[in-house]
Amino acid sequence: MTALSARVTIGVNWYPEMKWEYMTLVMPASGFLLGGKIDGQKLTDRLNQLGKERWELVSVFDTNMIEGKTRDVYAILKRPME
């Protein structure tokens, strides 16, 4: 048997000419009095649609109202510029 080995290269720019464009997707929450709720299926469908357009999800966060209830969900996406 042979031992497995991994080769790690640090500090190499694999895509020296890569340029990105970014998009912010805002999903408003519903239920002002009872707290914000997001339609998970609607968000999934939208992300899948954007994925077909080569957008990649980078980050997701929410903004809050009183007592920590969700106001909006923000999704940050990126894709290579053409």
Foldseek 3Di string as FASTA:
>chain_A
DDDDDDDDDPDDDPCPPWDKDKDKDKFFFDDVPVAGDGDVVVVVVVVVVVVVVQKAWDDKDFDADPPRGTGMIITMIMGTDD
